[in-house]
Amino acid sequence: MLQHYHDTDDREDSKGSPILFNAVVTWFRVYQVPFDHRVADVLCTVAMALHFDGLGERQITDHLIRKFNGPMSTMATAASSLAYH
Protein backbone atom coordinates (compact mmCIF):
# COMPACT_ATOMS: atom_id res chain seq x y z
CA MET A 1 0.00 0.00 0.00
CA LEU A 2 2.57 2.62 1.06
CA GLN A 3 5.61 0.70 -0.09
CA HIS A 4 6.60 3.29 -2.65
CA TYR A 5 7.77 5.51 0.25
CA HIS A 6 10.40 2.98 1.29
CA ASP A 7 13.49 1.56 -0.32
CA THR A 8 14.17 -1.17 2.23
CA ASP A 9 12.91 -2.49 5.51
CA ASP A 10 15.43 -1.64 8.22
CA ARG A 11 14.13 -4.02 10.89
CA GLU A 12 17.61 -5.51 11.20
CA ASP A 13 19.20 -2.08 11.71
CA SER A 14 20.24 -1.55 15.33
CA LYS A 15 20.56 2.23 14.95
CA GLY A 16 17.17 3.55 16.03
CA SER A 17 17.77 7.26 15.45
CA PRO A 18 17.92 7.21 11.64
CA ILE A 19 14.90 4.90 11.53
CA LEU A 20 12.84 7.20 13.75
CA PHE A 21 14.03 10.31 11.95
CA ASN A 22 13.21 8.88 8.53
CA ALA A 23 9.78 7.69 9.64
CA VAL A 24 8.84 11.09 11.04
CA VAL A 25 10.26 13.04 8.10
CA THR A 26 8.39 10.78 5.67
CA TRP A 27 5.15 11.50 7.57
CA PHE A 28 5.69 15.25 7.11
CA ARG A 29 6.42 14.74 3.40
CA VAL A 30 3.36 12.55 2.83
CA TYR A 31 1.01 15.09 4.40
CA GLN A 32 2.93 18.03 2.90
CA VAL A 33 2.93 20.05 6.11
CA PRO A 34 5.70 22.25 7.48
CA PHE A 35 7.76 20.87 10.33
CA ASP A 36 6.19 21.39 13.76
CA HIS A 37 8.04 20.45 16.94
CA ARG A 38 4.90 19.52 18.86
CA VAL A 39 3.67 17.21 16.10
CA ALA A 40 7.16 15.72 15.73
CA ASP A 41 7.28 15.02 19.48
CA VAL A 42 4.05 13.04 19.33
CA LEU A 43 5.19 11.12 16.25
CA CYS A 44 8.62 10.41 17.76
CA THR A 45 7.12 9.12 21.00
CA VAL A 46 4.95 6.67 19.11
CA ALA A 47 7.78 5.74 16.74
CA MET A 48 10.12 5.00 19.67
CA ALA A 49 7.57 2.69 21.27
CA LEU A 50 7.06 0.85 17.99
CA HIS A 51 10.81 0.55 17.41
CA PHE A 52 11.29 -0.76 20.94
CA ASP A 53 8.74 -3.48 20.09
CA GLY A 54 10.92 -4.53 17.16
CA LEU A 55 9.25 -2.83 14.22
CA GLY A 56 11.41 -1.60 11.36
CA GLU A 57 11.35 1.70 9.51
CA ARG A 58 8.75 0.62 6.97
CA GLN A 59 6.33 -0.64 9.60
CA ILE A 60 6.80 2.43 11.80
CA THR A 61 6.32 4.82 8.90
CA ASP A 62 3.23 3.00 7.67
CA HIS A 63 1.77 3.03 11.17
CA LEU A 64 2.36 6.78 11.58
CA ILE A 65 0.83 7.55 8.19
CA ARG A 66 -2.24 5.39 8.83
CA LYS A 67 -2.79 6.42 12.45
CA PHE A 68 -2.11 10.14 12.15
CA ASN A 69 -3.78 11.41 9.02
CA GLY A 70 -2.61 14.98 9.23
CA PRO A 71 -1.33 17.33 11.94
CA MET A 72 -4.75 17.81 13.55
CA SER A 73 -4.90 14.11 14.41
CA THR A 74 -1.87 14.50 16.68
CA MET A 75 -3.56 17.21 18.76
CA ALA A 76 -6.51 15.26 20.09
CA THR A 77 -4.46 12.94 22.25
CA ALA A 78 -0.99 14.44 22.39
CA ALA A 79 -0.87 13.98 26.16
CA SER A 80 -1.54 10.27 25.81
CA SER A 81 0.38 9.57 22.64
CA LEU A 82 1.52 6.16 23.85
CA ALA A 83 -2.12 5.10 23.83
CA TYR A 84 -1.77 4.80 20.05
CA HIS A 85 0.51 1.87 20.54
C-alpha atoms as a PDB file:
ATOM      1  CA  MET A   1       0.000   0.000   0.000  1.00  0.00           C
ATOM      2  CA  LEU A   2       2.573   2.617   1.057  1.00  0.00           C
ATOM      3  CA  GLN A   3       5.614   0.699  -0.092  1.00  0.00           C
ATOM      4  CA  HIS A   4       6.603   3.294  -2.645  1.00  0.00           C
ATOM      5  CA  TYR A   5       7.772   5.506   0.245  1.00  0.00           C
ATOM      6  CA  HIS A   6      10.404   2.976   1.292  1.00  0.00           C
ATOM      7  CA  ASP A   7      13.488   1.561  -0.315  1.00  0.00           C
ATOM      8  CA  THR A   8      14.174  -1.171   2.228  1.00  0.00           C
ATOM      9  CA  ASP A   9      12.911  -2.495   5.515  1.00  0.00           C
ATOM     10  CA  ASP A  10      15.427  -1.641   8.225  1.00  0.00           C
ATOM     11  CA  ARG A  11      14.128  -4.020  10.887  1.00  0.00           C
ATOM     12  CA  GLU A  12      17.607  -5.506  11.196  1.00  0.00           C
ATOM     13  CA  ASP A  13      19.203  -2.077  11.713  1.00  0.00           C
ATOM     14  CA  SER A  14      20.241  -1.549  15.328  1.00  0.00           C
ATOM     15  CA  LYS A  15      20.558   2.226  14.953  1.00  0.00           C
ATOM     16  CA  GLY A  16      17.166   3.554  16.026  1.00  0.00           C
ATOM     17  CA  SER A  17      17.772   7.260  15.450  1.00  0.00           C
ATOM     18  CA  PRO A  18      17.918   7.207  11.635  1.00  0.00           C
ATOM     19  CA  ILE A  19      14.897   4.901  11.534  1.00  0.00           C
ATOM     20  CA  LEU A  20      12.841   7.200  13.751  1.00  0.00           C
ATOM     21  CA  PHE A  21      14.035  10.313  11.951  1.00  0.00           C
ATOM     22  CA  ASN A  22      13.212   8.882   8.527  1.00  0.00           C
ATOM     23  CA  ALA A  23       9.778   7.686   9.641  1.00  0.00           C
ATOM     24  CA  VAL A  24       8.835  11.089  11.045  1.00  0.00           C
ATOM     25  CA  VAL A  25      10.264  13.044   8.097  1.00  0.00           C
ATOM     26  CA  THR A  26       8.388  10.784   5.672  1.00  0.00           C
ATOM     27  CA  TRP A  27       5.146  11.495   7.566  1.00  0.00           C
ATOM     28  CA  PHE A  28       5.689  15.254   7.109  1.00  0.00           C
ATOM     29  CA  ARG A  29       6.417  14.737   3.405  1.00  0.00           C
ATOM     30  CA  VAL A  30       3.359  12.552   2.826  1.00  0.00           C
ATOM     31  CA  TYR A  31       1.012  15.086   4.403  1.00  0.00           C
ATOM     32  CA  GLN A  32       2.930  18.029   2.902  1.00  0.00           C
ATOM     33  CA  VAL A  33       2.928  20.054   6.111  1.00  0.00           C
ATOM     34  CA  PRO A  34       5.704  22.247   7.480  1.00  0.00           C
ATOM     35  CA  PHE A  35       7.756  20.865  10.331  1.00  0.00           C
ATOM     36  CA  ASP A  36       6.186  21.392  13.756  1.00  0.00           C
ATOM     37  CA  HIS A  37       8.038  20.445  16.942  1.00  0.00           C
ATOM     38  CA  ARG A  38       4.895  19.517  18.858  1.00  0.00           C
ATOM     39  CA  VAL A  39       3.668  17.209  16.105  1.00  0.00           C
ATOM     40  CA  ALA A  40       7.157  15.721  15.730  1.00  0.00           C
ATOM     41  CA  ASP A  41       7.282  15.021  19.483  1.00  0.00           C
ATOM     42  CA  VAL A  42       4.050  13.043  19.326  1.00  0.00           C
ATOM     43  CA  LEU A  43       5.186  11.122  16.254  1.00  0.00           C
ATOM     44  CA  CYS A  44       8.623  10.413  17.759  1.00  0.00           C
ATOM     45  CA  THR A  45       7.125   9.121  20.996  1.00  0.00           C
ATOM     46  CA  VAL A  46       4.950   6.668  19.111  1.00  0.00           C
ATOM     47  CA  ALA A  47       7.783   5.742  16.739  1.00  0.00           C
ATOM     48  CA  MET A  48      10.116   4.998  19.669  1.00  0.00           C
ATOM     49  CA  ALA A  49       7.572   2.686  21.271  1.00  0.00           C
ATOM     50  CA  LEU A  50       7.057   0.846  17.989  1.00  0.00           C
ATOM     51  CA  HIS A  51      10.808   0.545  17.405  1.00  0.00           C
ATOM     52  CA  PHE A  52      11.286  -0.762  20.942  1.00  0.00           C
ATOM     53  CA  ASP A  53       8.740  -3.476  20.086  1.00  0.00           C
ATOM     54  CA  GLY A  54      10.924  -4.526  17.163  1.00  0.00           C
ATOM     55  CA  LEU A  55       9.251  -2.832  14.219  1.00  0.00           C
ATOM     56  CA  GLY A  56      11.414  -1.596  11.359  1.00  0.00           C
ATOM     57  CA  GLU A  57      11.353   1.699   9.511  1.00  0.00           C
ATOM     58  CA  ARG A  58       8.749   0.625   6.974  1.00  0.00           C
ATOM     59  CA  GLN A  59       6.326  -0.639   9.600  1.00  0.00           C
ATOM     60  CA  ILE A  60       6.799   2.429  11.797  1.00  0.00           C
ATOM     61  CA  THR A  61       6.321   4.824   8.902  1.00  0.00           C
ATOM     62  CA  ASP A  62       3.233   3.004   7.671  1.00  0.00           C
ATOM     63  CA  HIS A  63       1.767   3.033  11.174  1.00  0.00           C
ATOM     64  CA  LEU A  64       2.356   6.779  11.584  1.00  0.00           C
ATOM     65  CA  ILE A  65       0.830   7.548   8.191  1.00  0.00           C
ATOM     66  CA  ARG A  66      -2.242   5.394   8.825  1.00  0.00           C
ATOM     67  CA  LYS A  67      -2.789   6.416  12.450  1.00  0.00           C
ATOM     68  CA  PHE A  68      -2.112  10.137  12.153  1.00  0.00           C
ATOM     69  CA  ASN A  69      -3.778  11.407   9.018  1.00  0.00           C
ATOM     70  CA  GLY A  70      -2.605  14.985   9.234  1.00  0.00           C
ATOM     71  CA  PRO A  71      -1.332  17.325  11.943  1.00  0.00           C
ATOM     72  CA  MET A  72      -4.747  17.808  13.547  1.00  0.00           C
ATOM     73  CA  SER A  73      -4.901  14.111  14.406  1.00  0.00           C
ATOM     74  CA  THR A  74      -1.871  14.502  16.684  1.00  0.00           C
ATOM     75  CA  MET A  75      -3.555  17.209  18.756  1.00  0.00           C
ATOM     76  CA  ALA A  76      -6.507  15.265  20.086  1.00  0.00           C
ATOM     77  CA  THR A  77      -4.459  12.945  22.251  1.00  0.00           C
ATOM     78  CA  ALA A  78      -0.995  14.437  22.389  1.00  0.00           C
ATOM     79  CA  ALA A  79      -0.865  13.985  26.162  1.00  0.00           C
ATOM     80  CA  SER A  80      -1.541  10.274  25.813  1.00  0.00           C
ATOM     81  CA  SER A  81       0.382   9.574  22.637  1.00  0.00           C
ATOM     82  CA  LEU A  82       1.517   6.164  23.852  1.00  0.00           C
ATOM     83  CA  ALA A  83      -2.115   5.103  23.829  1.00  0.00           C
ATOM     84  CA  TYR A  84      -1.768   4.804  20.045  1.00  0.00           C
ATOM     85  CA  HIS A  85       0.513   1.866  20.541  1.00  0.00           C
END
